[in-house]
């Protein structure tokens, strides 16, 4: 039975995969509003208690895009331990500290009280600037990401992009046939041992 469960786990495991980065794509710029899209959810775990106030999601090397903190509209939000949908409506850059560089971009908005072990999920979506963006469009690519607090201290594990893969119906059918074959082999072995 244990072998059967391990086999089933091995069959199901590839349905979920993770990458060590967050995929951001940008459009607009050069005189029109800038849109930034996070293509999939990113998961973090809080490793030390943040100070009260700001919870910011940092994307390393995204560029010093903004001299000020422009407002954005859109649908990127985050949840804590699977609860809530807390909006992120501000994007910043150009600030350097021990944890972040001037060319790192960070998102923030509504902050929550976090404790060690909390699982934070940054949900996929798009933010669009409410004003025209004069600079050229930033590079769309995978970025390393983590959470900082208002003291600019890193308070999380690196963000991991989580992707669900939806298998084709034929894949499920093959898995079912394989499972039935495993059960039949197990039953045959049990009968053979009882007869011996």
C-alpha atoms as a PDB file:
ATOM      1  CA  UNK A   1       0.000   0.000   0.000  1.00  0.00           C
ATOM      2  CA  UNK A   2       2.854   2.352   0.844  1.00  0.00           C
ATOM      3  CA  UNK A   3       4.428   1.745  -2.572  1.00  0.00           C
ATOM      4  CA  UNK A   4       1.058   2.469  -4.217  1.00  0.00           C
ATOM      5  CA  UNK A   5       0.771   5.799  -2.409  1.00  0.00           C
ATOM      6  CA  UNK A   6       4.345   6.746  -3.331  1.00  0.00           C
ATOM      7  CA  UNK A   7       3.645   5.898  -6.964  1.00  0.00           C
ATOM      8  CA  UNK A   8       0.509   8.029  -6.970  1.00  0.00           C
ATOM      9  CA  UNK A   9       2.413  10.933  -5.384  1.00  0.00           C
ATOM     10  CA  UNK A  10       5.061  10.662  -8.093  1.00  0.00           C
ATOM     11  CA  UNK A  11       2.349  10.800 -10.759  1.00  0.00           C
ATOM     12  CA  UNK A  12       0.629  13.858  -9.268  1.00  0.00           C
ATOM     13  CA  UNK A  13       3.750  15.860  -8.312  1.00  0.00           C
ATOM     14  CA  UNK A  14       4.505  17.085 -11.857  1.00  0.00           C
ATOM     15  CA  UNK A  15       1.089  18.755 -11.968  1.00  0.00           C
ATOM     16  CA  UNK A  16       2.484  21.530  -9.786  1.00  0.00           C
ATOM     17  CA  UNK A  17       5.804  23.187 -10.388  1.00  0.00           C
ATOM     18  CA  UNK A  18       7.680  26.133  -8.942  1.00  0.00           C
ATOM     19  CA  UNK A  19      10.223  28.564 -10.243  1.00  0.00           C
ATOM     20  CA  UNK A  20      12.620  30.592  -8.134  1.00  0.00           C
ATOM     21  CA  UNK A  21      11.532  33.894  -9.654  1.00  0.00           C
ATOM     22  CA  UNK A  22       8.525  36.050 -10.517  1.00  0.00           C
ATOM     23  CA  UNK A  23       7.710  36.786 -14.147  1.00  0.00           C
ATOM     24  CA  UNK A  24       6.947  40.453 -14.823  1.00  0.00           C
ATOM     25  CA  UNK A  25       6.049  41.892 -18.198  1.00  0.00           C
ATOM     26  CA  UNK A  26       5.768  45.573 -19.040  1.00  0.00           C
ATOM     27  CA  UNK A  27       3.959  47.466 -21.781  1.00  0.00           C
ATOM     28  CA  UNK A  28       3.377  51.127 -22.513  1.00  0.00           C
ATOM     29  CA  UNK A  29       5.846  53.815 -21.518  1.00  0.00           C
ATOM     30  CA  UNK A  30       7.427  56.314 -23.891  1.00  0.00           C
ATOM     31  CA  UNK A  31       4.672  58.856 -23.247  1.00  0.00           C
ATOM     32  CA  UNK A  32       1.705  56.617 -22.417  1.00  0.00           C
ATOM     33  CA  UNK A  33       0.662  54.857 -19.175  1.00  0.00           C
ATOM     34  CA  UNK A  34       2.845  51.947 -18.079  1.00  0.00           C
ATOM     35  CA  UNK A  35       1.247  48.538 -17.444  1.00  0.00           C
ATOM     36  CA  UNK A  36       3.051  45.916 -15.362  1.00  0.00           C
ATOM     37  CA  UNK A  37       1.754  42.332 -15.346  1.00  0.00           C
ATOM     38  CA  UNK A  38       2.677  39.616 -12.856  1.00  0.00           C
ATOM     39  CA  UNK A  39       1.998  36.478 -14.908  1.00  0.00           C
ATOM     40  CA  UNK A  40       1.528  34.021 -12.033  1.00  0.00           C
ATOM     41  CA  UNK A  41       1.244  33.906  -8.254  1.00  0.00           C
ATOM     42  CA  UNK A  42       4.356  34.155  -6.086  1.00  0.00           C
ATOM     43  CA  UNK A  43       4.617  32.639  -2.611  1.00  0.00           C
ATOM     44  CA  UNK A  44       6.755  33.830   0.322  1.00  0.00           C
ATOM     45  CA  UNK A  45       7.152  32.677   3.932  1.00  0.00           C
ATOM     46  CA  UNK A  46       7.810  35.214   6.684  1.00  0.00           C
ATOM     47  CA  UNK A  47      11.106  34.375   8.420  1.00  0.00           C
ATOM     48  CA  UNK A  48      11.338  37.218  10.977  1.00  0.00           C
ATOM     49  CA  UNK A  49       8.757  39.545  12.480  1.00  0.00           C
ATOM     50  CA  UNK A  50       8.400  42.711  10.392  1.00  0.00           C
ATOM     51  CA  UNK A  51       8.142  46.060  12.111  1.00  0.00           C
ATOM     52  CA  UNK A  52       4.681  47.617  11.968  1.00  0.00           C
ATOM     53  CA  UNK A  53       3.756  49.579   8.889  1.00  0.00           C
ATOM     54  CA  UNK A  54       4.951  48.848   5.398  1.00  0.00           C
ATOM     55  CA  UNK A  55       4.908  45.439   3.743  1.00  0.00           C
ATOM     56  CA  UNK A  56       6.671  45.813   0.403  1.00  0.00           C
ATOM     57  CA  UNK A  57       7.359  43.273  -2.336  1.00  0.00           C
ATOM     58  CA  UNK A  58      10.800  43.907  -3.895  1.00  0.00           C
ATOM     59  CA  UNK A  59      11.769  42.882  -7.451  1.00  0.00           C
ATOM     60  CA  UNK A  60      15.562  43.071  -7.785  1.00  0.00           C
ATOM     61  CA  UNK A  61      17.018  44.789 -10.826  1.00  0.00           C
ATOM     62  CA  UNK A  62      13.682  45.889 -12.320  1.00  0.00           C
ATOM     63  CA  UNK A  63      15.138  49.394 -12.700  1.00  0.00           C
ATOM     64  CA  UNK A  64      14.903  52.828 -11.126  1.00  0.00           C
ATOM     65  CA  UNK A  65      11.627  53.567 -12.863  1.00  0.00           C
ATOM     66  CA  UNK A  66      10.118  56.274 -10.701  1.00  0.00           C
ATOM     67  CA  UNK A  67      11.442  59.405  -9.028  1.00  0.00           C
ATOM     68  CA  UNK A  68       8.206  59.663  -7.054  1.00  0.00           C
ATOM     69  CA  UNK A  69       5.567  57.195  -5.940  1.00  0.00           C
ATOM     70  CA  UNK A  70       2.939  57.268  -8.701  1.00  0.00           C
ATOM     71  CA  UNK A  71      -0.511  55.833  -8.187  1.00  0.00           C
ATOM     72  CA  UNK A  72      -1.600  52.799 -10.144  1.00  0.00           C
ATOM     73  CA  UNK A  73      -4.885  51.067 -10.773  1.00  0.00           C
ATOM     74  CA  UNK A  74      -5.196  47.365 -11.213  1.00  0.00           C
ATOM     75  CA  UNK A  75      -5.635  43.938  -9.790  1.00  0.00           C
ATOM     76  CA  UNK A  76      -2.407  42.832  -8.089  1.00  0.00           C
ATOM     77  CA  UNK A  77      -3.101  41.954  -4.466  1.00  0.00           C
ATOM     78  CA  UNK A  78      -1.804  39.599  -1.804  1.00  0.00           C
ATOM     79  CA  UNK A  79      -3.243  37.234   0.774  1.00  0.00           C
ATOM     80  CA  UNK A  80      -1.944  36.064   4.144  1.00  0.00           C
ATOM     81  CA  UNK A  81      -2.356  32.354   4.960  1.00  0.00           C
ATOM     82  CA  UNK A  82      -4.995  32.102   2.235  1.00  0.00           C
ATOM     83  CA  UNK A  83      -7.196  34.850   3.672  1.00  0.00           C
ATOM     84  CA  UNK A  84      -7.983  38.313   2.363  1.00  0.00           C
ATOM     85  CA  UNK A  85      -7.106  40.158  -0.800  1.00  0.00           C
ATOM     86  CA  UNK A  86      -5.056  43.191   0.207  1.00  0.00           C
ATOM     87  CA  UNK A  87      -4.515  45.741  -2.560  1.00  0.00           C
ATOM     88  CA  UNK A  88      -1.119  46.903  -3.829  1.00  0.00           C
ATOM     89  CA  UNK A  89      -1.516  50.290  -5.495  1.00  0.00           C
ATOM     90  CA  UNK A  90       1.874  51.964  -5.163  1.00  0.00           C
ATOM     91  CA  UNK A  91       5.152  51.274  -6.955  1.00  0.00           C
ATOM     92  CA  UNK A  92       8.469  52.750  -5.896  1.00  0.00           C
ATOM     93  CA  UNK A  93      12.122  52.635  -6.891  1.00  0.00           C
ATOM     94  CA  UNK A  94      15.291  54.654  -6.505  1.00  0.00           C
ATOM     95  CA  UNK A  95      15.631  53.974  -2.776  1.00  0.00           C
ATOM     96  CA  UNK A  96      18.776  52.229  -1.566  1.00  0.00           C
ATOM     97  CA  UNK A  97      19.375  50.562   1.798  1.00  0.00           C
ATOM     98  CA  UNK A  98      21.261  47.560   3.136  1.00  0.00           C
ATOM     99  CA  UNK A  99      18.631  45.237   1.635  1.00  0.00           C
ATOM    100  CA  UNK A 100      17.663  46.919  -1.625  1.00  0.00           C
ATOM    101  CA  UNK A 101      19.443  48.801  -4.387  1.00  0.00           C
ATOM    102  CA  UNK A 102      18.335  51.949  -6.202  1.00  0.00           C
ATOM    103  CA  UNK A 103      17.488  49.896  -9.299  1.00  0.00           C
ATOM    104  CA  UNK A 104      15.127  47.582  -7.372  1.00  0.00           C
ATOM    105  CA  UNK A 105      11.391  48.130  -7.754  1.00  0.00           C
ATOM    106  CA  UNK A 106       8.947  47.587  -4.903  1.00  0.00           C
ATOM    107  CA  UNK A 107       5.150  47.303  -4.624  1.00  0.00           C
ATOM    108  CA  UNK A 108       3.178  48.235  -1.543  1.00  0.00           C
ATOM    109  CA  UNK A 109      -0.259  49.270  -0.371  1.00  0.00           C
ATOM    110  CA  UNK A 110      -2.444  47.976   2.429  1.00  0.00           C
ATOM    111  CA  UNK A 111      -0.209  46.399   5.111  1.00  0.00           C
ATOM    112  CA  UNK A 112      -1.069  43.606   7.513  1.00  0.00           C
ATOM    113  CA  UNK A 113       0.428  42.443  10.806  1.00  0.00           C
ATOM    114  CA  UNK A 114       2.612  39.451   9.945  1.00  0.00           C
ATOM    115  CA  UNK A 115       4.217  36.786  12.133  1.00  0.00           C
ATOM    116  CA  UNK A 116       6.954  34.231  11.547  1.00  0.00           C
ATOM    117  CA  UNK A 117       5.651  31.346   9.447  1.00  0.00           C
ATOM    118  CA  UNK A 118       2.914  33.310   7.677  1.00  0.00           C
ATOM    119  CA  UNK A 119       2.583  32.315   4.030  1.00  0.00           C
ATOM    120  CA  UNK A 120       2.106  35.310   1.762  1.00  0.00           C
ATOM    121  CA  UNK A 121       0.788  34.844  -1.761  1.00  0.00           C
ATOM    122  CA  UNK A 122       1.229  37.684  -4.241  1.00  0.00           C
ATOM    123  CA  UNK A 123      -1.525  37.094  -6.774  1.00  0.00           C
ATOM    124  CA  UNK A 124      -1.175  37.490 -10.531  1.00  0.00           C
ATOM    125  CA  UNK A 125      -2.600  40.601 -12.121  1.00  0.00           C
ATOM    126  CA  UNK A 126      -1.833  43.923 -13.795  1.00  0.00           C
ATOM    127  CA  UNK A 127      -1.130  47.420 -12.477  1.00  0.00           C
ATOM    128  CA  UNK A 128      -1.404  50.419 -14.825  1.00  0.00           C
ATOM    129  CA  UNK A 129      -0.087  53.909 -14.048  1.00  0.00           C
ATOM    130  CA  UNK A 130      -2.697  56.656 -13.802  1.00  0.00           C
ATOM    131  CA  UNK A 131      -0.316  59.092 -15.555  1.00  0.00           C
ATOM    132  CA  UNK A 132       1.790  58.788 -18.684  1.00  0.00           C
ATOM    133  CA  UNK A 133       5.205  57.173 -18.245  1.00  0.00           C
ATOM    134  CA  UNK A 134       7.906  59.167 -20.048  1.00  0.00           C
ATOM    135  CA  UNK A 135      10.716  56.575 -19.975  1.00  0.00           C
ATOM    136  CA  UNK A 136      11.182  53.548 -22.202  1.00  0.00           C
ATOM    137  CA  UNK A 137       9.399  50.313 -21.266  1.00  0.00           C
ATOM    138  CA  UNK A 138      11.373  48.215 -18.733  1.00  0.00           C
ATOM    139  CA  UNK A 139      12.583  44.716 -19.631  1.00  0.00           C
ATOM    140  CA  UNK A 140      10.027  41.906 -19.301  1.00  0.00           C
ATOM    141  CA  UNK A 141      11.654  38.895 -17.625  1.00  0.00           C
ATOM    142  CA  UNK A 142      11.898  36.809 -14.456  1.00  0.00           C
ATOM    143  CA  UNK A 143      12.947  38.761 -11.352  1.00  0.00           C
ATOM    144  CA  UNK A 144      14.141  37.653  -7.913  1.00  0.00           C
ATOM    145  CA  UNK A 145      11.747  38.887  -5.245  1.00  0.00           C
ATOM    146  CA  UNK A 146      11.366  39.094  -1.443  1.00  0.00           C
ATOM    147  CA  UNK A 147       9.416  41.040   1.208  1.00  0.00           C
ATOM    148  CA  UNK A 148      10.806  43.951   3.247  1.00  0.00           C
ATOM    149  CA  UNK A 149       9.319  46.005   6.088  1.00  0.00           C
ATOM    150  CA  UNK A 150       9.384  49.763   6.643  1.00  0.00           C
ATOM    151  CA  UNK A 151      12.911  49.451   8.043  1.00  0.00           C
ATOM    152  CA  UNK A 152      13.986  47.929   4.691  1.00  0.00           C
ATOM    153  CA  UNK A 153      14.929  44.643   6.359  1.00  0.00           C
ATOM    154  CA  UNK A 154      14.283  41.426   4.430  1.00  0.00           C
ATOM    155  CA  UNK A 155      11.550  39.532   6.275  1.00  0.00           C
ATOM    156  CA  UNK A 156      10.780  36.572   3.991  1.00  0.00           C
ATOM    157  CA  UNK A 157      12.141  33.687   2.008  1.00  0.00           C
ATOM    158  CA  UNK A 158      12.768  34.496  -1.657  1.00  0.00           C
ATOM    159  CA  UNK A 159       9.502  34.504  -3.586  1.00  0.00           C
ATOM    160  CA  UNK A 160       8.738  31.341  -5.512  1.00  0.00           C
ATOM    161  CA  UNK A 161       6.521  31.502  -8.572  1.00  0.00           C
ATOM    162  CA  UNK A 162       3.887  28.763  -8.329  1.00  0.00           C
ATOM    163  CA  UNK A 163       2.437  27.334 -11.524  1.00  0.00           C
ATOM    164  CA  UNK A 164      -0.408  24.858 -11.872  1.00  0.00           C
ATOM    165  CA  UNK A 165      -0.282  22.636 -14.900  1.00  0.00           C
ATOM    166  CA  UNK A 166      -3.664  21.354 -16.063  1.00  0.00           C
ATOM    167  CA  UNK A 167      -3.218  17.895 -17.573  1.00  0.00           C
ATOM    168  CA  UNK A 168      -5.095  16.765 -20.659  1.00  0.00           C
ATOM    169  CA  UNK A 169      -7.976  14.278 -20.148  1.00  0.00           C
ATOM    170  CA  UNK A 170      -5.859  11.564 -21.775  1.00  0.00           C
ATOM    171  CA  UNK A 171      -3.277  12.020 -19.034  1.00  0.00           C
ATOM    172  CA  UNK A 172      -5.902  11.399 -16.366  1.00  0.00           C
ATOM    173  CA  UNK A 173      -7.124   8.322 -18.269  1.00  0.00           C
ATOM    174  CA  UNK A 174      -3.587   6.905 -18.423  1.00  0.00           C
ATOM    175  CA  UNK A 175      -3.091   7.593 -14.724  1.00  0.00           C
ATOM    176  CA  UNK A 176      -6.363   5.764 -13.993  1.00  0.00           C
ATOM    177  CA  UNK A 177      -5.336   2.740 -16.094  1.00  0.00           C
ATOM    178  CA  UNK A 178      -1.959   2.663 -14.335  1.00  0.00           C
ATOM    179  CA  UNK A 179      -3.628   2.839 -10.935  1.00  0.00           C
ATOM    180  CA  UNK A 180      -5.970  -0.019 -11.852  1.00  0.00           C
ATOM    181  CA  UNK A 181      -2.986  -2.072 -13.041  1.00  0.00           C
ATOM    182  CA  UNK A 182      -1.182  -1.457  -9.742  1.00  0.00           C
ATOM    183  CA  UNK A 183      -4.265  -2.553  -7.779  1.00  0.00           C
ATOM    184  CA  UNK A 184      -4.629  -5.702  -9.934  1.00  0.00           C
ATOM    185  CA  UNK A 185      -0.968  -6.640  -9.448  1.00  0.00           C
ATOM    186  CA  UNK A 186      -1.300  -6.084  -5.704  1.00  0.00           C
ATOM    187  CA  UNK A 187      -4.417  -8.270  -5.546  1.00  0.00           C
ATOM    188  CA  UNK A 188      -2.765 -11.039  -7.610  1.00  0.00           C
ATOM    189  CA  UNK A 189       0.269 -11.050  -5.297  1.00  0.00           C
ATOM    190  CA  UNK A 190      -2.021 -11.249  -2.276  1.00  0.00           C
ATOM    191  CA  UNK A 191      -3.899 -14.233  -3.746  1.00  0.00           C
ATOM    192  CA  UNK A 192      -0.632 -15.988  -4.682  1.00  0.00           C
ATOM    193  CA  UNK A 193       0.698 -15.570  -1.126  1.00  0.00           C
ATOM    194  CA  UNK A 194      -2.510 -16.921   0.410  1.00  0.00           C
ATOM    195  CA  UNK A 195      -2.416 -20.041  -1.817  1.00  0.00           C
ATOM    196  CA  UNK A 196       1.227 -20.763  -0.949  1.00  0.00           C
END
